[in-house]
Amino acid sequence: MHRLSDHNRSIEEMFSSIAPRYDFLNRLLSLGTDRRWRREAVASIQPEKGGIHLDVATGTADVALEIFRQKGNGAFVAGVDISAAMMRIGREKAARAGLAGRLAFVRAPCEALPFRDAVFDSASIAFGIRNVAHREGGLREMCRVVKPGGRLVILEFSQPESALFGALYRFYFTRVLPRLGGLFSRRSAYTYLPDSVREFPSPHTFAGMMREAECDPVTVRPLTRGIVTLYVGTRRQRPG
């Protein structure tokens, strides 16, 4: 595996430490809405059936499994993550779903994907791009491995624009969520979450970063009143 930066090592350690309770807390803390967000993201992936797909920061493979639910077992997915502990749970879920041989797991950082150019129909990353140390490099890598005309689909937390709803959301995100997370898992990981969302670029700025990485056009769609944003970029066709 590509040598991890200090930032990536700290992220790997944090996610490995919360892996056993990760899926449970995702359902609890989002009140189950995270499943709908992932369904919306995967519905943006082409082709409608089959295809060869890359899921970066695949973790426990929720997005990868949703790809199979929507695209059928004729699809192939490569799941990439830096946390072996998270992927171990993903492998167990894939085995229970009968997907051995159709879902491969690779330990690698987003900034150094071990794949040739233009081999995937799509690349996705859900709730992971804000954890990438060098986002511009990660975006360029994901675009590089997608075929011209293929899609880059990114799901990430954002901050609601509504003053009232935004205030309620920030109270939950900064006061309630870390306490709930700390009851069942490592509290520092759920304190890091709102901090990392607060520091993430605005949807407009991030869409510009995707365009600079050779994905253009880019659509930006807020979900659940802006708690989450879905970005869909198309890999530029090569000249000639």
C-alpha atoms as a PDB file:
ATOM      1  CA  MET A   1       0.000   0.000   0.000  1.00  0.00           C
ATOM      2  CA  HIS A   2       1.085   3.598  -0.663  1.00  0.00           C
ATOM      3  CA  ARG A   3       2.743   5.074   2.443  1.00  0.00           C
ATOM      4  CA  LEU A   4       0.171   6.952   4.520  1.00  0.00           C
ATOM      5  CA  SER A   5       0.677  10.580   5.493  1.00  0.00           C
ATOM      6  CA  ASP A   6       0.498  11.505   9.186  1.00  0.00           C
ATOM      7  CA  HIS A   7      -3.022  12.862   8.600  1.00  0.00           C
ATOM      8  CA  ASN A   8      -4.170   9.657   6.931  1.00  0.00           C
ATOM      9  CA  ARG A   9      -2.633   7.548   9.700  1.00  0.00           C
ATOM     10  CA  SER A  10      -4.600   9.474  12.325  1.00  0.00           C
ATOM     11  CA  ILE A  11      -7.805   9.095  10.270  1.00  0.00           C
ATOM     12  CA  GLU A  12      -7.128   5.361   9.826  1.00  0.00           C
ATOM     13  CA  GLU A  13      -6.623   4.888  13.566  1.00  0.00           C
ATOM     14  CA  MET A  14      -9.800   6.821  14.409  1.00  0.00           C
ATOM     15  CA  PHE A  15     -12.030   4.886  12.006  1.00  0.00           C
ATOM     16  CA  SER A  16     -10.511   1.552  12.962  1.00  0.00           C
ATOM     17  CA  SER A  17     -11.290   2.308  16.607  1.00  0.00           C
ATOM     18  CA  ILE A  18     -14.985   2.989  15.896  1.00  0.00           C
ATOM     19  CA  ALA A  19     -15.471   0.250  13.271  1.00  0.00           C
ATOM     20  CA  PRO A  20     -17.376  -2.216  15.522  1.00  0.00           C
ATOM     21  CA  ARG A  21     -20.152   0.335  16.254  1.00  0.00           C
ATOM     22  CA  TYR A  22     -19.947   2.367  13.037  1.00  0.00           C
ATOM     23  CA  ASP A  23     -23.013   1.001  11.214  1.00  0.00           C
ATOM     24  CA  PHE A  24     -25.179   1.058  14.351  1.00  0.00           C
ATOM     25  CA  LEU A  25     -24.281   4.683  15.095  1.00  0.00           C
ATOM     26  CA  ASN A  26     -24.837   5.765  11.496  1.00  0.00           C
ATOM     27  CA  ARG A  27     -28.423   4.492  11.714  1.00  0.00           C
ATOM     28  CA  LEU A  28     -28.977   5.920  15.197  1.00  0.00           C
ATOM     29  CA  LEU A  29     -27.458   9.369  14.737  1.00  0.00           C
ATOM     30  CA  SER A  30     -29.075   9.990  11.346  1.00  0.00           C
ATOM     31  CA  LEU A  31     -32.394   8.426  12.412  1.00  0.00           C
ATOM     32  CA  GLY A  32     -31.969   6.049   9.478  1.00  0.00           C
ATOM     33  CA  THR A  33     -31.777   8.841   6.876  1.00  0.00           C
ATOM     34  CA  ASP A  34     -28.227   7.843   5.855  1.00  0.00           C
ATOM     35  CA  ARG A  35     -29.698   4.906   3.915  1.00  0.00           C
ATOM     36  CA  ARG A  36     -31.838   7.229   1.796  1.00  0.00           C
ATOM     37  CA  TRP A  37     -28.856   9.504   1.136  1.00  0.00           C
ATOM     38  CA  ARG A  38     -26.838   6.559  -0.153  1.00  0.00           C
ATOM     39  CA  ARG A  39     -29.715   5.375  -2.337  1.00  0.00           C
ATOM     40  CA  GLU A  40     -29.945   8.859  -3.875  1.00  0.00           C
ATOM     41  CA  ALA A  41     -26.202   8.890  -4.562  1.00  0.00           C
ATOM     42  CA  VAL A  42     -26.121   5.453  -6.176  1.00  0.00           C
ATOM     43  CA  ALA A  43     -29.171   6.327  -8.305  1.00  0.00           C
ATOM     44  CA  SER A  44     -26.934   8.972  -9.960  1.00  0.00           C
ATOM     45  CA  ILE A  45     -24.397   6.347 -11.053  1.00  0.00           C
ATOM     46  CA  GLN A  46     -24.395   5.078 -14.635  1.00  0.00           C
ATOM     47  CA  PRO A  47     -25.011   2.664 -16.290  1.00  0.00           C
ATOM     48  CA  GLU A  48     -28.403   1.706 -14.905  1.00  0.00           C
ATOM     49  CA  LYS A  49     -27.410  -1.989 -14.790  1.00  0.00           C
ATOM     50  CA  GLY A  50     -24.032  -3.686 -14.477  1.00  0.00           C
ATOM     51  CA  GLY A  51     -20.844  -1.693 -14.917  1.00  0.00           C
ATOM     52  CA  ILE A  52     -17.468  -1.499 -13.202  1.00  0.00           C
ATOM     53  CA  HIS A  53     -17.463   0.874 -10.240  1.00  0.00           C
ATOM     54  CA  LEU A  54     -15.025   2.285  -7.696  1.00  0.00           C
ATOM     55  CA  ASP A  55     -16.137   3.168  -4.171  1.00  0.00           C
ATOM     56  CA  VAL A  56     -13.531   5.208  -2.286  1.00  0.00           C
ATOM     57  CA  ALA A  57     -13.548   5.370   1.523  1.00  0.00           C
ATOM     58  CA  THR A  58     -15.811   2.342   1.230  1.00  0.00           C
ATOM     59  CA  GLY A  59     -15.602   1.591   4.958  1.00  0.00           C
ATOM     60  CA  THR A  60     -18.131  -1.100   5.860  1.00  0.00           C
ATOM     61  CA  ALA A  61     -19.295  -1.216   2.220  1.00  0.00           C
ATOM     62  CA  ASP A  62     -22.736   0.370   2.561  1.00  0.00           C
ATOM     63  CA  VAL A  63     -22.416   2.241  -0.758  1.00  0.00           C
ATOM     64  CA  ALA A  64     -20.818  -0.740  -2.517  1.00  0.00           C
ATOM     65  CA  LEU A  65     -23.700  -2.996  -1.440  1.00  0.00           C
ATOM     66  CA  GLU A  66     -26.228  -0.382  -2.554  1.00  0.00           C
ATOM     67  CA  ILE A  67     -24.571  -0.376  -5.991  1.00  0.00           C
ATOM     68  CA  PHE A  68     -25.321  -4.090  -6.298  1.00  0.00           C
ATOM     69  CA  ARG A  69     -28.893  -3.581  -5.097  1.00  0.00           C
ATOM     70  CA  GLN A  70     -29.503  -1.022  -7.838  1.00  0.00           C
ATOM     71  CA  LYS A  71     -27.197  -2.226 -10.641  1.00  0.00           C
ATOM     72  CA  GLY A  72     -27.614  -5.977 -10.126  1.00  0.00           C
ATOM     73  CA  ASN A  73     -25.118  -8.748  -9.462  1.00  0.00           C
ATOM     74  CA  GLY A  74     -23.680  -8.277 -12.957  1.00  0.00           C
ATOM     75  CA  ALA A  75     -21.843  -5.224 -11.613  1.00  0.00           C
ATOM     76  CA  PHE A  76     -18.295  -5.271 -10.237  1.00  0.00           C
ATOM     77  CA  VAL A  77     -17.154  -2.950  -7.439  1.00  0.00           C
ATOM     78  CA  ALA A  78     -13.686  -2.168  -6.115  1.00  0.00           C
ATOM     79  CA  GLY A  79     -13.914  -0.779  -2.584  1.00  0.00           C
ATOM     80  CA  VAL A  80     -10.933   1.273  -1.414  1.00  0.00           C
ATOM     81  CA  ASP A  81     -10.207   2.390   2.143  1.00  0.00           C
ATOM     82  CA  ILE A  82      -7.261   2.998   4.463  1.00  0.00           C
ATOM     83  CA  SER A  83      -8.860   1.210   7.436  1.00  0.00           C
ATOM     84  CA  ALA A  84      -8.425  -2.560   7.388  1.00  0.00           C
ATOM     85  CA  ALA A  85     -10.798  -2.856  10.358  1.00  0.00           C
ATOM     86  CA  MET A  86     -13.611  -1.099   8.510  1.00  0.00           C
ATOM     87  CA  MET A  87     -13.082  -3.203   5.383  1.00  0.00           C
ATOM     88  CA  ARG A  88     -13.057  -6.398   7.463  1.00  0.00           C
ATOM     89  CA  ILE A  89     -16.662  -5.663   8.410  1.00  0.00           C
ATOM     90  CA  GLY A  90     -17.402  -4.799   4.776  1.00  0.00           C
ATOM     91  CA  ARG A  91     -16.017  -8.160   3.643  1.00  0.00           C
ATOM     92  CA  GLU A  92     -18.248  -9.977   6.130  1.00  0.00           C
ATOM     93  CA  LYS A  93     -21.314  -8.110   4.844  1.00  0.00           C
ATOM     94  CA  ALA A  94     -20.331  -8.836   1.217  1.00  0.00           C
ATOM     95  CA  ALA A  95     -19.885 -12.539   2.000  1.00  0.00           C
ATOM     96  CA  ARG A  96     -23.340 -12.696   3.622  1.00  0.00           C
ATOM     97  CA  ALA A  97     -24.767 -11.048   0.486  1.00  0.00           C
ATOM     98  CA  GLY A  98     -23.117 -13.682  -1.727  1.00  0.00           C
ATOM     99  CA  LEU A  99     -20.905 -11.132  -3.475  1.00  0.00           C
ATOM    100  CA  ALA A 100     -17.512 -12.801  -3.108  1.00  0.00           C
ATOM    101  CA  GLY A 101     -15.684 -12.271  -6.379  1.00  0.00           C
ATOM    102  CA  ARG A 102     -17.874  -9.307  -7.363  1.00  0.00           C
ATOM    103  CA  LEU A 103     -16.763  -6.925  -4.611  1.00  0.00           C
ATOM    104  CA  ALA A 104     -13.007  -6.520  -4.111  1.00  0.00           C
ATOM    105  CA  PHE A 105     -11.401  -4.590  -1.250  1.00  0.00           C
ATOM    106  CA  VAL A 106      -8.139  -2.671  -1.657  1.00  0.00           C
ATOM    107  CA  ARG A 107      -6.284  -0.802   1.075  1.00  0.00           C
ATOM    108  CA  ALA A 108      -5.092   2.499  -0.390  1.00  0.00           C
ATOM    109  CA  PRO A 109      -5.484   6.261   0.156  1.00  0.00           C
ATOM    110  CA  CYS A 110      -7.694   8.313  -2.134  1.00  0.00           C
ATOM    111  CA  GLU A 111      -4.666  10.361  -3.231  1.00  0.00           C
ATOM    112  CA  ALA A 112      -2.838   7.301  -4.660  1.00  0.00           C
ATOM    113  CA  LEU A 113      -5.316   4.898  -6.259  1.00  0.00           C
ATOM    114  CA  PRO A 114      -3.581   1.739  -7.566  1.00  0.00           C
ATOM    115  CA  PHE A 115      -5.556   1.541 -10.816  1.00  0.00           C
ATOM    116  CA  ARG A 116      -4.893   2.343 -14.468  1.00  0.00           C
ATOM    117  CA  ASP A 117      -6.409   5.378 -16.172  1.00  0.00           C
ATOM    118  CA  ALA A 118     -10.037   5.253 -17.345  1.00  0.00           C
ATOM    119  CA  VAL A 119     -10.984   1.764 -16.115  1.00  0.00           C
ATOM    120  CA  PHE A 120     -14.178   2.488 -14.130  1.00  0.00           C
ATOM    121  CA  ASP A 121     -17.647   3.532 -15.249  1.00  0.00           C
ATOM    122  CA  SER A 122     -17.986   5.544 -12.052  1.00  0.00           C
ATOM    123  CA  ALA A 123     -16.227   6.525  -8.843  1.00  0.00           C
ATOM    124  CA  SER A 124     -18.075   7.354  -5.639  1.00  0.00           C
ATOM    125  CA  ILE A 125     -17.167   8.537  -2.176  1.00  0.00           C
ATOM    126  CA  ALA A 126     -19.721   9.019   0.618  1.00  0.00           C
ATOM    127  CA  PHE A 127     -18.866  11.057   3.717  1.00  0.00           C
ATOM    128  CA  GLY A 128     -15.168  10.540   3.077  1.00  0.00           C
ATOM    129  CA  ILE A 129     -13.814  13.356   0.926  1.00  0.00           C
ATOM    130  CA  ARG A 130     -13.628  15.757   3.879  1.00  0.00           C
ATOM    131  CA  ASN A 131     -11.216  13.303   5.554  1.00  0.00           C
ATOM    132  CA  VAL A 132      -8.817  13.226   2.584  1.00  0.00           C
ATOM    133  CA  ALA A 133      -5.603  15.079   3.413  1.00  0.00           C
ATOM    134  CA  HIS A 134      -5.080  16.436  -0.120  1.00  0.00           C
ATOM    135  CA  ARG A 135      -8.568  16.845  -1.555  1.00  0.00           C
ATOM    136  CA  GLU A 136      -7.446  18.246  -4.888  1.00  0.00           C
ATOM    137  CA  GLY A 137      -5.139  15.265  -5.391  1.00  0.00           C
ATOM    138  CA  GLY A 138      -7.854  12.840  -4.333  1.00  0.00           C
ATOM    139  CA  LEU A 139     -10.342  14.362  -6.772  1.00  0.00           C
ATOM    140  CA  ARG A 140      -7.810  14.216  -9.603  1.00  0.00           C
ATOM    141  CA  GLU A 141      -7.130  10.543  -8.829  1.00  0.00           C
ATOM    142  CA  MET A 142     -10.807   9.613  -8.816  1.00  0.00           C
ATOM    143  CA  CYS A 143     -11.380  11.455 -12.107  1.00  0.00           C
ATOM    144  CA  ARG A 144      -8.266   9.862 -13.604  1.00  0.00           C
ATOM    145  CA  VAL A 145      -9.512   6.310 -13.132  1.00  0.00           C
ATOM    146  CA  VAL A 146     -13.007   7.016 -14.519  1.00  0.00           C
ATOM    147  CA  LYS A 147     -13.704   6.600 -18.225  1.00  0.00           C
ATOM    148  CA  PRO A 148     -14.363   9.793 -20.215  1.00  0.00           C
ATOM    149  CA  GLY A 149     -18.066  10.500 -19.898  1.00  0.00           C
ATOM    150  CA  GLY A 150     -18.255   8.459 -16.657  1.00  0.00           C
ATOM    151  CA  ARG A 151     -19.469   9.919 -13.394  1.00  0.00           C
ATOM    152  CA  LEU A 152     -17.863  10.997 -10.136  1.00  0.00           C
ATOM    153  CA  VAL A 153     -20.507  10.892  -7.388  1.00  0.00           C
ATOM    154  CA  ILE A 154     -19.767  12.485  -4.025  1.00  0.00           C
ATOM    155  CA  LEU A 155     -21.984  12.608  -0.943  1.00  0.00           C
ATOM    156  CA  GLU A 156     -20.848  14.866   1.876  1.00  0.00           C
ATOM    157  CA  PHE A 157     -22.184  16.709   4.901  1.00  0.00           C
ATOM    158  CA  SER A 158     -22.843  20.411   4.476  1.00  0.00           C
ATOM    159  CA  GLN A 159     -24.340  23.265   6.475  1.00  0.00           C
ATOM    160  CA  PRO A 160     -28.000  24.236   5.979  1.00  0.00           C
ATOM    161  CA  GLU A 161     -28.613  27.790   4.769  1.00  0.00           C
ATOM    162  CA  SER A 162     -31.898  28.241   6.664  1.00  0.00           C
ATOM    163  CA  ALA A 163     -31.234  30.263   9.828  1.00  0.00           C
ATOM    164  CA  LEU A 164     -33.710  28.422  12.077  1.00  0.00           C
ATOM    165  CA  PHE A 165     -33.126  24.920  10.748  1.00  0.00           C
ATOM    166  CA  GLY A 166     -29.373  25.615  10.635  1.00  0.00           C
ATOM    167  CA  ALA A 167     -29.359  26.605  14.306  1.00  0.00           C
ATOM    168  CA  LEU A 168     -31.229  23.434  15.299  1.00  0.00           C
ATOM    169  CA  TYR A 169     -28.917  21.342  13.158  1.00  0.00           C
ATOM    170  CA  ARG A 170     -25.766  22.899  14.634  1.00  0.00           C
ATOM    171  CA  PHE A 171     -27.075  22.327  18.182  1.00  0.00           C
ATOM    172  CA  TYR A 172     -27.693  18.651  17.425  1.00  0.00           C
ATOM    173  CA  PHE A 173     -24.436  18.248  15.506  1.00  0.00           C
ATOM    174  CA  THR A 174     -22.140  19.946  18.040  1.00  0.00           C
ATOM    175  CA  ARG A 175     -23.880  19.209  21.375  1.00  0.00           C
ATOM    176  CA  VAL A 176     -26.067  16.119  21.091  1.00  0.00           C
ATOM    177  CA  LEU A 177     -24.295  13.965  18.495  1.00  0.00           C
ATOM    178  CA  PRO A 178     -20.870  13.833  20.251  1.00  0.00           C
ATOM    179  CA  ARG A 179     -22.566  12.865  23.526  1.00  0.00           C
ATOM    180  CA  LEU A 180     -24.605  10.097  21.897  1.00  0.00           C
ATOM    181  CA  GLY A 181     -21.584   8.860  19.958  1.00  0.00           C
ATOM    182  CA  GLY A 182     -19.537   8.842  23.153  1.00  0.00           C
ATOM    183  CA  LEU A 183     -22.063   6.604  24.905  1.00  0.00           C
ATOM    184  CA  PHE A 184     -21.483   3.802  22.405  1.00  0.00           C
ATOM    185  CA  SER A 185     -18.077   4.485  20.871  1.00  0.00           C
ATOM    186  CA  ARG A 186     -15.091   6.830  20.865  1.00  0.00           C
ATOM    187  CA  ARG A 187     -16.371  10.334  21.662  1.00  0.00           C
ATOM    188  CA  SER A 188     -13.428  12.129  20.028  1.00  0.00           C
ATOM    189  CA  ALA A 189     -14.454  10.675  16.641  1.00  0.00           C
ATOM    190  CA  TYR A 190     -17.910  12.239  16.966  1.00  0.00           C
ATOM    191  CA  THR A 191     -16.409  15.536  18.098  1.00  0.00           C
ATOM    192  CA  TYR A 192     -14.144  15.460  15.032  1.00  0.00           C
ATOM    193  CA  LEU A 193     -17.183  15.011  12.756  1.00  0.00           C
ATOM    194  CA  PRO A 194     -18.816  18.457  13.263  1.00  0.00           C
ATOM    195  CA  ASP A 195     -15.395  20.123  13.289  1.00  0.00           C
ATOM    196  CA  SER A 196     -14.497  18.572   9.921  1.00  0.00           C
ATOM    197  CA  VAL A 197     -17.873  19.556   8.418  1.00  0.00           C
ATOM    198  CA  ARG A 198     -17.462  23.138   9.606  1.00  0.00           C
ATOM    199  CA  GLU A 199     -14.060  23.359   7.898  1.00  0.00           C
ATOM    200  CA  PHE A 200     -15.233  21.805   4.617  1.00  0.00           C
ATOM    201  CA  PRO A 201     -15.599  24.140   1.597  1.00  0.00           C
ATOM    202  CA  SER A 202     -19.018  25.479   0.594  1.00  0.00           C
ATOM    203  CA  PRO A 203     -20.901  23.466  -2.064  1.00  0.00           C
ATOM    204  CA  HIS A 204     -20.125  26.146  -4.673  1.00  0.00           C
ATOM    205  CA  THR A 205     -16.401  26.084  -3.871  1.00  0.00           C
ATOM    206  CA  PHE A 206     -16.217  22.299  -3.772  1.00  0.00           C
ATOM    207  CA  ALA A 207     -18.012  21.980  -7.121  1.00  0.00           C
ATOM    208  CA  GLY A 208     -15.319  24.276  -8.537  1.00  0.00           C
ATOM    209  CA  MET A 209     -12.646  21.927  -7.169  1.00  0.00           C
ATOM    210  CA  MET A 210     -14.315  19.027  -8.996  1.00  0.00           C
ATOM    211  CA  ARG A 211     -14.279  20.984 -12.257  1.00  0.00           C
ATOM    212  CA  GLU A 212     -10.584  21.756 -11.830  1.00  0.00           C
ATOM    213  CA  ALA A 213     -10.002  18.005 -11.402  1.00  0.00           C
ATOM    214  CA  GLU A 214     -11.374  17.374 -14.932  1.00  0.00           C
ATOM    215  CA  CYS A 215     -14.981  16.614 -13.944  1.00  0.00           C
ATOM    216  CA  ASP A 216     -17.316  18.962 -15.793  1.00  0.00           C
ATOM    217  CA  PRO A 217     -20.235  19.612 -15.750  1.00  0.00           C
ATOM    218  CA  VAL A 218     -21.032  19.243 -12.038  1.00  0.00           C
ATOM    219  CA  THR A 219     -24.518  19.243 -10.538  1.00  0.00           C
ATOM    220  CA  VAL A 220     -25.026  20.163  -6.876  1.00  0.00           C
ATOM    221  CA  ARG A 221     -28.130  18.954  -5.041  1.00  0.00           C
ATOM    222  CA  PRO A 222     -28.847  19.574  -1.340  1.00  0.00           C
ATOM    223  CA  LEU A 223     -30.568  16.717   0.521  1.00  0.00           C
ATOM    224  CA  THR A 224     -32.609  16.943   3.744  1.00  0.00           C
ATOM    225  CA  ARG A 225     -32.646  20.755   3.677  1.00  0.00           C
ATOM    226  CA  GLY A 226     -28.920  20.995   3.122  1.00  0.00           C
ATOM    227  CA  ILE A 227     -27.641  18.665   5.846  1.00  0.00           C
ATOM    228  CA  VAL A 228     -25.993  16.695   3.045  1.00  0.00           C
ATOM    229  CA  THR A 229     -25.016  17.687  -0.506  1.00  0.00           C
ATOM    230  CA  LEU A 230     -24.883  15.346  -3.491  1.00  0.00           C
ATOM    231  CA  TYR A 231     -22.322  16.282  -6.157  1.00  0.00           C
ATOM    232  CA  VAL A 232     -22.374  14.558  -9.545  1.00  0.00           C
ATOM    233  CA  GLY A 233     -19.569  15.309 -11.985  1.00  0.00           C
ATOM    234  CA  THR A 234     -18.939  13.942 -15.472  1.00  0.00           C
ATOM    235  CA  ARG A 235     -15.397  13.019 -16.495  1.00  0.00           C
ATOM    236  CA  ARG A 236     -14.425  15.272 -19.367  1.00  0.00           C
ATOM    237  CA  GLN A 237     -14.220  13.741 -22.800  1.00  0.00           C
ATOM    238  CA  ARG A 238     -10.645  13.823 -24.051  1.00  0.00           C
ATOM    239  CA  PRO A 239      -9.975  16.178 -26.967  1.00  0.00           C
ATOM    240  CA  GLY A 240     -10.085  14.404 -30.347  1.00  0.00           C
END
